[in-house]
């Protein structure tokens, strides 16, 4: 296997940092991994191990960094361009895996691009307003009032603009997955039983509305899958092996 550090153009002026895991023997299938809010392609150092595990079964894996803390609509546009670039340069059969908010972007992109062959939602919020009320606390009300928010968390400080949450009103992800069900693309949902950021009820409803084939894996863990990351990785690998 070979890992390539690169940048992928998403507009005439903007390119996103990425790592591409090239398998020894490529199968013309690509898994694009989207990180969550405040996350990165590195996933606390575990992203590389995950990419290598998937590349061992013949998939080319693309891990990339979104432009930080942009509204969901901007992330969807960036992911659409990553998909287009990947299909032109790496392989024609595209699978998407999104963690947390990256899963929301992946679900929307999959609904809009008919060539997407499979979708994995990893601790993904469907009710974005409820989820960010939990994660931002009083800061959510500050944004709702049209004020700029200086958000502080374990990863440091970040500035959020009101359009970050105003953009949520454009989407109903339960309707999105219902519409996607008509295409019957393979779906894997991974969720922690003790997720206090994205309550598991959101994942359960997504699963109930999804088409077939579909699989739901519940891990005895919280939002970051800190203790069961290897189990989650194994579940993704097995799902990918059985999806083609």
Protein backbone atom coordinates (compact mmCIF):
# COMPACT_ATOMS: atom_id res chain seq x y z
CA UNK A 1 0.00 0.00 0.00
CA UNK A 2 0.99 3.60 -0.53
CA UNK A 3 -0.28 6.69 1.28
CA UNK A 4 -0.20 9.98 -0.62
CA UNK A 5 -0.47 13.41 1.00
CA UNK A 6 -2.03 15.83 -1.45
CA UNK A 7 -4.57 18.60 -1.92
CA UNK A 8 -7.78 18.30 -3.91
CA UNK A 9 -9.23 21.33 -5.75
CA UNK A 10 -12.85 22.10 -4.90
CA UNK A 11 -13.02 25.54 -6.55
CA UNK A 12 -10.75 27.54 -8.82
CA UNK A 13 -9.15 29.08 -5.72
CA UNK A 14 -9.62 26.52 -2.94
CA UNK A 15 -8.00 23.13 -2.45
CA UNK A 16 -8.49 20.86 0.55
CA UNK A 17 -5.75 18.92 2.31
CA UNK A 18 -6.16 15.18 1.82
CA UNK A 19 -4.53 11.80 2.29
CA UNK A 20 -5.14 9.06 -0.25
CA UNK A 21 -4.59 5.41 0.70
CA UNK A 22 -3.74 3.48 -2.46
CA UNK A 23 -4.24 -0.31 -2.21
CA UNK A 24 -1.76 -2.78 -3.64
CA UNK A 25 -4.42 -3.88 -6.14
CA UNK A 26 -7.17 -1.32 -6.71
CA UNK A 27 -10.72 -2.55 -7.33
CA UNK A 28 -11.99 0.72 -8.90
CA UNK A 29 -13.89 1.47 -5.68
CA UNK A 30 -13.30 4.57 -3.58
CA UNK A 31 -14.29 5.30 0.02
CA UNK A 32 -14.45 9.02 0.81
CA UNK A 33 -14.28 9.80 4.54
CA UNK A 34 -15.77 13.05 5.88
CA UNK A 35 -14.97 14.19 9.41
CA UNK A 36 -17.30 15.83 11.90
CA UNK A 37 -17.66 19.27 13.44
CA UNK A 38 -14.32 20.25 15.04
CA UNK A 39 -12.79 17.06 13.68
CA UNK A 40 -10.18 16.45 10.99
CA UNK A 41 -9.10 13.79 8.55
CA UNK A 42 -6.64 12.52 11.19
CA UNK A 43 -9.36 11.58 13.70
CA UNK A 44 -7.03 11.86 16.65
CA UNK A 45 -4.37 9.79 14.91
CA UNK A 46 -6.72 6.91 14.11
CA UNK A 47 -7.62 8.03 10.59
CA UNK A 48 -4.48 6.54 9.08
CA UNK A 49 -5.10 3.13 10.67
CA UNK A 50 -8.67 3.18 9.42
CA UNK A 51 -7.62 4.12 5.88
CA UNK A 52 -5.01 1.37 5.78
CA UNK A 53 -7.55 -1.22 7.00
CA UNK A 54 -9.96 -0.36 4.18
CA UNK A 55 -7.19 -0.18 1.56
CA UNK A 56 -6.22 -3.76 2.42
CA UNK A 57 -9.49 -4.96 0.85
CA UNK A 58 -8.82 -3.10 -2.41
CA UNK A 59 -10.60 0.21 -1.83
CA UNK A 60 -8.85 3.50 -2.48
CA UNK A 61 -9.53 5.69 0.57
CA UNK A 62 -9.72 9.47 0.54
CA UNK A 63 -9.51 11.34 3.85
CA UNK A 64 -9.79 15.11 3.61
CA UNK A 65 -10.28 18.24 5.72
CA UNK A 66 -13.34 20.42 5.17
CA UNK A 67 -12.85 24.17 5.29
CA UNK A 68 -13.25 24.56 9.08
CA UNK A 69 -16.59 25.38 10.71
CA UNK A 70 -18.50 26.23 7.55
CA UNK A 71 -22.28 25.77 7.21
CA UNK A 72 -23.51 22.35 6.15
CA UNK A 73 -24.36 23.61 2.65
CA UNK A 74 -20.72 24.57 2.12
CA UNK A 75 -19.57 21.16 3.31
CA UNK A 76 -21.96 19.42 0.93
CA UNK A 77 -20.60 21.45 -1.98
CA UNK A 78 -17.01 20.62 -1.02
CA UNK A 79 -17.86 16.93 -0.69
CA UNK A 80 -19.61 16.92 -4.08
CA UNK A 81 -16.43 18.27 -5.65
CA UNK A 82 -14.31 15.69 -3.82
CA UNK A 83 -16.61 12.99 -5.23
CA UNK A 84 -16.30 14.38 -8.75
CA UNK A 85 -12.50 14.58 -8.52
CA UNK A 86 -12.24 11.08 -7.04
CA UNK A 87 -14.43 9.53 -9.73
CA UNK A 88 -12.26 11.13 -12.40
CA UNK A 89 -8.88 10.21 -10.90
CA UNK A 90 -9.26 7.24 -8.54
CA UNK A 91 -12.24 5.01 -9.33
CA UNK A 92 -15.76 5.17 -10.65
CA UNK A 93 -17.60 3.39 -7.80
CA UNK A 94 -17.91 5.83 -4.90
CA UNK A 95 -18.79 4.99 -1.29
CA UNK A 96 -19.22 7.65 1.38
CA UNK A 97 -18.50 7.46 5.10
CA UNK A 98 -19.29 10.44 7.28
CA UNK A 99 -18.60 10.91 10.96
CA UNK A 100 -20.98 13.10 12.95
CA UNK A 101 -21.76 16.26 10.91
CA UNK A 102 -19.71 14.78 8.09
CA UNK A 103 -22.33 12.06 7.98
CA UNK A 104 -25.05 14.68 7.51
CA UNK A 105 -23.08 16.07 4.56
CA UNK A 106 -22.53 12.56 3.20
CA UNK A 107 -26.24 11.74 3.39
CA UNK A 108 -27.13 14.89 1.49
CA UNK A 109 -24.41 14.33 -1.12
CA UNK A 110 -25.51 10.72 -1.62
CA UNK A 111 -29.08 11.88 -2.21
CA UNK A 112 -27.91 14.34 -4.87
CA UNK A 113 -25.34 12.21 -6.73
CA UNK A 114 -26.80 9.09 -8.28
CA UNK A 115 -23.40 7.44 -8.78
CA UNK A 116 -22.83 7.01 -5.01
CA UNK A 117 -22.85 3.24 -4.47
CA UNK A 118 -22.97 3.00 -0.66
CA UNK A 119 -23.28 5.13 2.46
CA UNK A 120 -22.01 4.74 6.03
CA UNK A 121 -23.31 7.08 8.74
CA UNK A 122 -21.03 7.10 11.79
CA UNK A 123 -22.58 8.81 14.88
CA UNK A 124 -24.50 11.04 12.49
CA UNK A 125 -27.04 13.68 13.56
CA UNK A 126 -30.35 13.82 11.70
CA UNK A 127 -31.87 16.57 13.85
CA UNK A 128 -29.15 19.19 13.48
CA UNK A 129 -30.85 21.87 15.55
CA UNK A 130 -31.36 19.55 18.52
CA UNK A 131 -27.82 18.19 18.22
CA UNK A 132 -26.13 21.58 18.20
CA UNK A 133 -28.31 22.85 21.02
CA UNK A 134 -26.73 20.05 23.03
CA UNK A 135 -23.17 20.63 21.85
CA UNK A 136 -23.13 24.45 21.90
CA UNK A 137 -25.28 25.03 24.97
CA UNK A 138 -26.03 28.72 25.56
CA UNK A 139 -23.89 29.53 22.53
CA UNK A 140 -26.67 28.21 20.30
CA UNK A 141 -29.02 30.94 21.52
CA UNK A 142 -26.30 33.51 20.91
CA UNK A 143 -26.07 32.39 17.28
CA UNK A 144 -29.85 32.25 16.97
CA UNK A 145 -30.01 35.92 17.99
CA UNK A 146 -27.65 36.79 15.13
CA UNK A 147 -24.53 37.21 17.24
CA UNK A 148 -21.05 35.90 16.50
CA UNK A 149 -20.00 33.09 18.85
CA UNK A 150 -16.53 32.42 20.20
CA UNK A 151 -16.91 28.73 20.98
CA UNK A 152 -14.44 27.08 23.34
CA UNK A 153 -14.07 23.33 23.73
CA UNK A 154 -11.42 20.68 24.30
CA UNK A 155 -9.91 21.42 20.87
CA UNK A 156 -9.49 25.15 21.52
CA UNK A 157 -11.39 28.18 20.30
CA UNK A 158 -13.35 28.72 17.09
CA UNK A 159 -15.51 31.53 15.76
CA UNK A 160 -18.97 30.60 14.49
CA UNK A 161 -21.21 32.91 12.50
CA UNK A 162 -25.02 32.89 12.76
CA UNK A 163 -25.39 31.34 9.29
CA UNK A 164 -23.83 28.15 10.70
CA UNK A 165 -27.12 27.28 12.43
CA UNK A 166 -29.44 29.23 10.12
CA UNK A 167 -28.38 26.85 7.35
CA UNK A 168 -29.92 23.90 9.21
CA UNK A 169 -33.41 25.09 8.27
CA UNK A 170 -32.70 24.21 4.64
CA UNK A 171 -32.68 20.49 5.37
CA UNK A 172 -34.84 17.70 6.73
CA UNK A 173 -32.56 14.70 6.84
CA UNK A 174 -35.39 12.32 7.66
CA UNK A 175 -37.04 13.32 4.38
CA UNK A 176 -33.65 13.00 2.67
CA UNK A 177 -33.11 9.41 3.75
CA UNK A 178 -36.71 8.55 2.88
CA UNK A 179 -36.12 9.79 -0.66
CA UNK A 180 -32.77 8.00 -0.82
CA UNK A 181 -34.52 4.75 0.13
CA UNK A 182 -35.99 4.60 -3.38
CA UNK A 183 -32.49 3.93 -4.76
CA UNK A 184 -31.80 0.98 -2.45
CA UNK A 185 -28.13 1.74 -2.02
CA UNK A 186 -26.37 -0.20 0.77
CA UNK A 187 -26.44 1.63 4.12
CA UNK A 188 -24.49 1.07 7.33
CA UNK A 189 -25.32 3.04 10.48
CA UNK A 190 -22.86 2.98 13.38
CA UNK A 191 -23.90 4.62 16.63
CA UNK A 192 -22.89 4.64 20.27
CA UNK A 193 -25.45 3.52 22.81
CA UNK A 194 -24.26 6.24 25.21
CA UNK A 195 -23.95 9.10 22.71
CA UNK A 196 -24.92 12.28 24.60
CA UNK A 197 -24.18 14.56 21.62
CA UNK A 198 -26.34 12.73 19.08
CA UNK A 199 -28.94 10.65 20.93
CA UNK A 200 -29.28 7.17 19.49
CA UNK A 201 -32.97 7.79 18.80
CA UNK A 202 -31.93 9.89 15.81
CA UNK A 203 -30.01 6.95 14.34
CA UNK A 204 -32.89 4.58 15.05
CA UNK A 205 -35.30 6.80 13.14
CA UNK A 206 -32.89 7.17 10.21
CA UNK A 207 -32.57 3.40 10.06
CA UNK A 208 -36.34 2.88 10.17
CA UNK A 209 -36.80 5.21 7.18
CA UNK A 210 -33.92 3.86 5.11
CA UNK A 211 -34.25 1.46 2.23
CA UNK A 212 -32.61 -1.94 1.82
CA UNK A 213 -30.03 -3.31 2.13
CA UNK A 214 -29.23 -1.75 5.50
CA UNK A 215 -27.39 -2.63 8.69
CA UNK A 216 -27.38 -1.01 12.14
CA UNK A 217 -24.43 -1.55 14.49
CA UNK A 218 -24.76 -0.26 18.06
CA UNK A 219 -21.56 0.11 20.05
CA UNK A 220 -21.41 0.39 23.84
CA UNK A 221 -19.67 3.72 23.53
CA UNK A 222 -20.16 7.50 23.31
CA UNK A 223 -19.94 9.93 20.39
CA UNK A 224 -16.24 9.54 19.57
CA UNK A 225 -16.10 5.70 19.74
CA UNK A 226 -13.04 6.08 21.95
CA UNK A 227 -13.14 2.53 23.27
CA UNK A 228 -14.51 0.67 20.27
CA UNK A 229 -12.81 2.34 17.31
CA UNK A 230 -11.31 -0.96 16.15
CA UNK A 231 -14.70 -2.65 16.38
CA UNK A 232 -16.24 0.14 14.30
CA UNK A 233 -13.45 -0.15 11.75
CA UNK A 234 -13.98 -3.91 11.48
CA UNK A 235 -17.71 -3.35 10.98
CA UNK A 236 -17.05 -0.93 8.12
CA UNK A 237 -14.59 -3.31 6.46
CA UNK A 238 -17.03 -6.24 6.66
CA UNK A 239 -19.84 -4.06 5.30
CA UNK A 240 -17.72 -2.88 2.37
CA UNK A 241 -16.70 -6.46 1.58
CA UNK A 242 -20.35 -7.48 1.47
CA UNK A 243 -21.62 -4.47 -0.49
CA UNK A 244 -20.24 -5.43 -3.88
